[in-house]
Structures are given as C-alpha cells and as structure tokens.
Amino acid sequence: MAFTPLHDRVLVRRVESDEKTSGGLIIPESAKEKPSEGEVISVGEGARKDSGELIAPAVKAGDKILFGKWSGTEITLDGEELLIMKESDVLGIIG
C-alpha cells in the first residue's frame, strides 16, 4: 500500500468485534455497531508548533488503539476499508 498520512493524521484498520454477547446471543450484522478499536497502519510525521518545531506523534504503526465512535473518515485502499483520523481523535493505546 502506497499511502502515507500527512502531518498529525493516522491510518487505522478497525478490529472486528465479537459476533456473540457474553451471554451467548449471536448479534446479527444489521445490529452490530462499528468497532471503536483498531490497529495503526501508518502515521504522519507529526504536527508543527507555531515556531515550526515538529511535535512527534505518540502512536506508531502496529499500536492497538481506542478511538471515538464518530472519529475519522472512512476510505478504501486496495479494496480494504480503513479510517484516517487526526491523532487527537485517538483516545488511548491498548497495551
């Protein structure tokens, strides 16, 4: 894949959620919510301060992250649905 996010943006692949509840009920596809957990695929070089100094990103490729329900913009690259979002939309690293 030849895509590199710019500035403080992050490219994320959603992690699929379970198809069953903890009680064993199967959740139909139409009732599933899109997961708010993902894996970082690629990261931009970071944001810049007003002085021009680079602020390095806190996440890196391979990190498992949690993000807001409505975060990011869905894009399709090489037939795969991915999200691109600002690093500030990332709520935390699962580790």
N, C-alpha and C. Protein backbone atom coordinates (compact mmCIF):
# COMPACT_ATOMS: atom_id res chain seq x y z
N MET A 1 0.84 -1.17 0.00
CA MET A 1 0.00 0.00 0.00
C MET A 1 0.89 1.24 0.00
N ALA A 2 0.63 2.13 -0.90
CA ALA A 2 1.46 3.33 -1.03
C ALA A 2 0.68 4.54 -0.54
N PHE A 3 0.44 4.62 0.76
CA PHE A 3 -0.27 5.75 1.34
C PHE A 3 0.40 6.15 2.64
N THR A 4 0.78 7.41 2.74
CA THR A 4 1.37 7.95 3.96
C THR A 4 0.54 9.15 4.40
N PRO A 5 -0.04 9.11 5.61
CA PRO A 5 -0.80 10.26 6.10
C PRO A 5 0.11 11.47 6.28
N LEU A 6 -0.46 12.64 6.15
CA LEU A 6 0.29 13.88 6.35
C LEU A 6 0.08 14.42 7.76
N HIS A 7 1.06 15.17 8.21
CA HIS A 7 1.02 15.91 9.48
C HIS A 7 0.68 14.99 10.66
N ASP A 8 -0.41 15.28 11.39
CA ASP A 8 -0.74 14.52 12.60
C ASP A 8 -1.88 13.53 12.35
N ARG A 9 -1.96 13.02 11.14
CA ARG A 9 -3.02 12.07 10.81
C ARG A 9 -2.52 10.63 10.95
N VAL A 10 -3.49 9.72 11.19
CA VAL A 10 -3.19 8.32 11.46
C VAL A 10 -4.10 7.46 10.58
N LEU A 11 -3.55 6.44 9.96
CA LEU A 11 -4.32 5.48 9.17
C LEU A 11 -4.58 4.26 10.03
N VAL A 12 -5.86 3.86 10.16
CA VAL A 12 -6.26 2.82 11.12
C VAL A 12 -7.10 1.75 10.42
N ARG A 13 -6.85 0.50 10.80
CA ARG A 13 -7.69 -0.64 10.39
C ARG A 13 -8.53 -1.03 11.59
N ARG A 14 -9.85 -1.05 11.42
CA ARG A 14 -10.74 -1.45 12.51
C ARG A 14 -10.50 -2.91 12.89
N VAL A 15 -10.62 -3.20 14.19
CA VAL A 15 -10.54 -4.57 14.68
C VAL A 15 -11.98 -5.06 14.81
N GLU A 16 -12.28 -6.19 14.23
CA GLU A 16 -13.65 -6.72 14.25
C GLU A 16 -14.06 -7.10 15.66
N SER A 17 -15.31 -6.82 16.00
CA SER A 17 -15.83 -7.15 17.32
C SER A 17 -16.42 -8.57 17.32
N ASP A 18 -16.67 -9.07 18.51
CA ASP A 18 -17.24 -10.41 18.65
C ASP A 18 -18.64 -10.46 18.04
N GLU A 19 -19.01 -11.64 17.55
CA GLU A 19 -20.34 -11.82 16.98
C GLU A 19 -21.33 -12.35 18.00
N LYS A 20 -20.86 -12.61 19.23
CA LYS A 20 -21.73 -13.10 20.30
C LYS A 20 -21.59 -12.18 21.52
N THR A 21 -22.67 -12.08 22.27
CA THR A 21 -22.61 -11.35 23.53
C THR A 21 -22.01 -12.26 24.59
N SER A 22 -21.74 -11.72 25.77
CA SER A 22 -21.18 -12.53 26.85
C SER A 22 -22.16 -13.61 27.29
N GLY A 23 -23.46 -13.40 27.04
CA GLY A 23 -24.48 -14.39 27.39
C GLY A 23 -24.68 -15.45 26.32
N GLY A 24 -23.98 -15.32 25.18
CA GLY A 24 -24.05 -16.32 24.12
C GLY A 24 -25.00 -15.98 22.99
N LEU A 25 -25.65 -14.81 23.02
CA LEU A 25 -26.54 -14.42 21.93
C LEU A 25 -25.73 -13.98 20.72
N ILE A 26 -26.17 -14.41 19.55
CA ILE A 26 -25.49 -14.02 18.31
C ILE A 26 -26.05 -12.69 17.86
N ILE A 27 -25.16 -11.75 17.57
CA ILE A 27 -25.55 -10.41 17.14
C ILE A 27 -25.63 -10.40 15.61
N PRO A 28 -26.81 -10.08 15.04
CA PRO A 28 -26.90 -10.03 13.58
C PRO A 28 -26.11 -8.85 13.02
N GLU A 29 -25.66 -8.98 11.79
CA GLU A 29 -24.85 -7.95 11.13
C GLU A 29 -25.53 -6.59 11.15
N SER A 30 -26.85 -6.57 10.98
CA SER A 30 -27.59 -5.30 10.92
C SER A 30 -27.64 -4.58 12.27
N ALA A 31 -27.42 -5.30 13.37
CA ALA A 31 -27.50 -4.69 14.70
C ALA A 31 -26.13 -4.36 15.28
N LYS A 32 -25.07 -4.76 14.59
CA LYS A 32 -23.72 -4.51 15.10
C LYS A 32 -23.34 -3.05 14.97
N GLU A 33 -22.65 -2.56 15.98
CA GLU A 33 -22.05 -1.24 15.88
C GLU A 33 -20.65 -1.39 15.34
N LYS A 34 -20.18 -0.40 14.62
CA LYS A 34 -18.81 -0.46 14.13
C LYS A 34 -17.87 -0.36 15.33
N PRO A 35 -16.84 -1.18 15.34
CA PRO A 35 -15.94 -1.16 16.49
C PRO A 35 -15.17 0.15 16.61
N SER A 36 -14.87 0.52 17.85
CA SER A 36 -14.10 1.73 18.09
C SER A 36 -12.69 1.36 18.53
N GLU A 37 -12.25 0.21 18.09
CA GLU A 37 -10.91 -0.27 18.39
C GLU A 37 -10.24 -0.58 17.06
N GLY A 38 -8.94 -0.29 16.96
CA GLY A 38 -8.26 -0.54 15.70
C GLY A 38 -6.77 -0.69 15.86
N GLU A 39 -6.13 -0.95 14.73
CA GLU A 39 -4.68 -1.09 14.68
C GLU A 39 -4.13 0.01 13.77
N VAL A 40 -3.12 0.70 14.25
CA VAL A 40 -2.50 1.77 13.46
C VAL A 40 -1.69 1.15 12.32
N ILE A 41 -1.97 1.58 11.11
CA ILE A 41 -1.27 1.08 9.92
C ILE A 41 -0.11 2.01 9.57
N SER A 42 -0.38 3.31 9.61
CA SER A 42 0.63 4.29 9.22
C SER A 42 0.37 5.60 9.96
N VAL A 43 1.43 6.37 10.19
CA VAL A 43 1.35 7.63 10.94
C VAL A 43 2.10 8.71 10.17
N GLY A 44 1.55 9.92 10.18
CA GLY A 44 2.24 11.06 9.59
C GLY A 44 3.44 11.49 10.43
N GLU A 45 4.16 12.48 9.96
CA GLU A 45 5.38 12.92 10.65
C GLU A 45 5.10 13.68 11.94
N GLY A 46 3.88 14.16 12.13
CA GLY A 46 3.51 14.88 13.34
C GLY A 46 3.08 16.30 13.04
N ALA A 47 2.51 16.93 14.05
CA ALA A 47 2.05 18.32 13.93
C ALA A 47 3.24 19.26 14.12
N ARG A 48 3.02 20.51 13.80
CA ARG A 48 4.06 21.52 13.99
C ARG A 48 3.55 22.63 14.90
N LYS A 49 4.42 23.10 15.79
CA LYS A 49 4.11 24.26 16.62
C LYS A 49 4.16 25.51 15.74
N ASP A 50 3.70 26.63 16.28
CA ASP A 50 3.75 27.89 15.54
C ASP A 50 5.18 28.26 15.17
N SER A 51 6.13 27.82 15.98
CA SER A 51 7.54 28.13 15.72
C SER A 51 8.13 27.24 14.61
N GLY A 52 7.34 26.23 14.18
CA GLY A 52 7.83 25.32 13.15
C GLY A 52 8.43 24.04 13.70
N GLU A 53 8.57 23.96 15.01
CA GLU A 53 9.13 22.77 15.64
C GLU A 53 8.16 21.59 15.51
N LEU A 54 8.68 20.43 15.17
CA LEU A 54 7.88 19.24 14.97
C LEU A 54 7.49 18.60 16.30
N ILE A 55 6.22 18.23 16.44
CA ILE A 55 5.73 17.50 17.61
C ILE A 55 5.56 16.05 17.16
N ALA A 56 6.40 15.17 17.67
CA ALA A 56 6.37 13.76 17.26
C ALA A 56 5.06 13.10 17.69
N PRO A 57 4.51 12.21 16.85
CA PRO A 57 3.27 11.53 17.23
C PRO A 57 3.48 10.56 18.40
N ALA A 58 2.43 10.37 19.19
CA ALA A 58 2.50 9.47 20.34
C ALA A 58 2.20 8.03 19.97
N VAL A 59 1.58 7.82 18.79
CA VAL A 59 1.28 6.46 18.34
C VAL A 59 2.22 6.08 17.20
N LYS A 60 2.35 4.76 16.99
CA LYS A 60 3.21 4.28 15.91
C LYS A 60 2.51 3.11 15.21
N ALA A 61 2.97 2.75 14.04
CA ALA A 61 2.39 1.63 13.31
C ALA A 61 2.45 0.37 14.17
N GLY A 62 1.35 -0.37 14.20
CA GLY A 62 1.27 -1.59 14.98
C GLY A 62 0.58 -1.43 16.32
N ASP A 63 0.42 -0.18 16.80
CA ASP A 63 -0.27 0.05 18.08
C ASP A 63 -1.74 -0.30 17.96
N LYS A 64 -2.30 -0.90 19.02
CA LYS A 64 -3.75 -1.13 19.13
C LYS A 64 -4.30 0.09 19.85
N ILE A 65 -5.32 0.72 19.26
CA ILE A 65 -5.83 1.96 19.82
C ILE A 65 -7.34 1.90 20.03
N LEU A 66 -7.83 2.84 20.82
CA LEU A 66 -9.24 3.05 21.04
C LEU A 66 -9.54 4.46 20.54
N PHE A 67 -10.62 4.62 19.78
CA PHE A 67 -10.97 5.94 19.24
C PHE A 67 -12.46 6.18 19.39
N GLY A 68 -12.86 7.44 19.24
CA GLY A 68 -14.26 7.82 19.39
C GLY A 68 -15.15 7.18 18.35
N LYS A 69 -16.41 7.00 18.70
CA LYS A 69 -17.39 6.33 17.84
C LYS A 69 -17.52 7.00 16.47
N TRP A 70 -17.46 8.31 16.41
CA TRP A 70 -17.66 9.03 15.15
C TRP A 70 -16.35 9.60 14.61
N SER A 71 -15.24 9.10 15.06
CA SER A 71 -13.92 9.62 14.65
C SER A 71 -13.54 9.15 13.25
N GLY A 72 -12.82 10.00 12.57
CA GLY A 72 -12.19 9.61 11.31
C GLY A 72 -13.08 9.67 10.09
N THR A 73 -12.44 9.47 8.97
CA THR A 73 -13.08 9.43 7.67
C THR A 73 -12.79 8.08 7.05
N GLU A 74 -13.84 7.40 6.61
CA GLU A 74 -13.66 6.08 6.00
C GLU A 74 -13.14 6.24 4.59
N ILE A 75 -12.12 5.45 4.26
CA ILE A 75 -11.55 5.43 2.91
C ILE A 75 -11.35 3.97 2.51
N THR A 76 -11.22 3.74 1.22
CA THR A 76 -10.95 2.39 0.72
C THR A 76 -9.63 2.43 -0.03
N LEU A 77 -8.68 1.61 0.42
CA LEU A 77 -7.38 1.49 -0.23
C LEU A 77 -7.15 0.02 -0.56
N ASP A 78 -6.83 -0.27 -1.80
CA ASP A 78 -6.58 -1.64 -2.24
C ASP A 78 -7.73 -2.58 -1.84
N GLY A 79 -8.97 -2.09 -1.91
CA GLY A 79 -10.14 -2.90 -1.59
C GLY A 79 -10.40 -3.09 -0.11
N GLU A 80 -9.64 -2.46 0.75
CA GLU A 80 -9.80 -2.59 2.20
C GLU A 80 -10.33 -1.28 2.78
N GLU A 81 -11.36 -1.40 3.65
CA GLU A 81 -11.91 -0.20 4.28
C GLU A 81 -11.06 0.18 5.48
N LEU A 82 -10.57 1.41 5.49
CA LEU A 82 -9.71 1.92 6.56
C LEU A 82 -10.25 3.25 7.04
N LEU A 83 -9.71 3.75 8.12
CA LEU A 83 -10.06 5.07 8.65
C LEU A 83 -8.82 5.95 8.66
N ILE A 84 -9.02 7.21 8.34
CA ILE A 84 -7.94 8.18 8.53
C ILE A 84 -8.48 9.23 9.49
N MET A 85 -7.70 9.50 10.54
CA MET A 85 -8.15 10.43 11.58
C MET A 85 -6.97 11.23 12.11
N LYS A 86 -7.29 12.32 12.79
CA LYS A 86 -6.26 13.09 13.46
C LYS A 86 -5.81 12.34 14.70
N GLU A 87 -4.58 12.52 15.07
CA GLU A 87 -4.06 11.83 16.25
C GLU A 87 -4.86 12.21 17.50
N SER A 88 -5.40 13.40 17.54
CA SER A 88 -6.18 13.84 18.70
C SER A 88 -7.49 13.07 18.84
N ASP A 89 -7.94 12.36 17.78
CA ASP A 89 -9.14 11.52 17.86
C ASP A 89 -8.86 10.20 18.56
N VAL A 90 -7.59 9.86 18.72
CA VAL A 90 -7.20 8.62 19.40
C VAL A 90 -7.35 8.84 20.90
N LEU A 91 -8.14 7.97 21.55
CA LEU A 91 -8.40 8.12 22.98
C LEU A 91 -7.31 7.48 23.82
N GLY A 92 -6.68 6.43 23.30
CA GLY A 92 -5.62 5.77 24.06
C GLY A 92 -5.07 4.57 23.33
N ILE A 93 -3.94 4.08 23.84
CA ILE A 93 -3.28 2.90 23.29
C ILE A 93 -3.60 1.72 24.20
N ILE A 94 -4.05 0.62 23.61
CA ILE A 94 -4.37 -0.59 24.36
C ILE A 94 -3.10 -1.41 24.46
N GLY A 95 -2.68 -1.71 25.66
CA GLY A 95 -1.41 -2.33 25.69
C GLY A 95 -1.11 -3.37 26.65
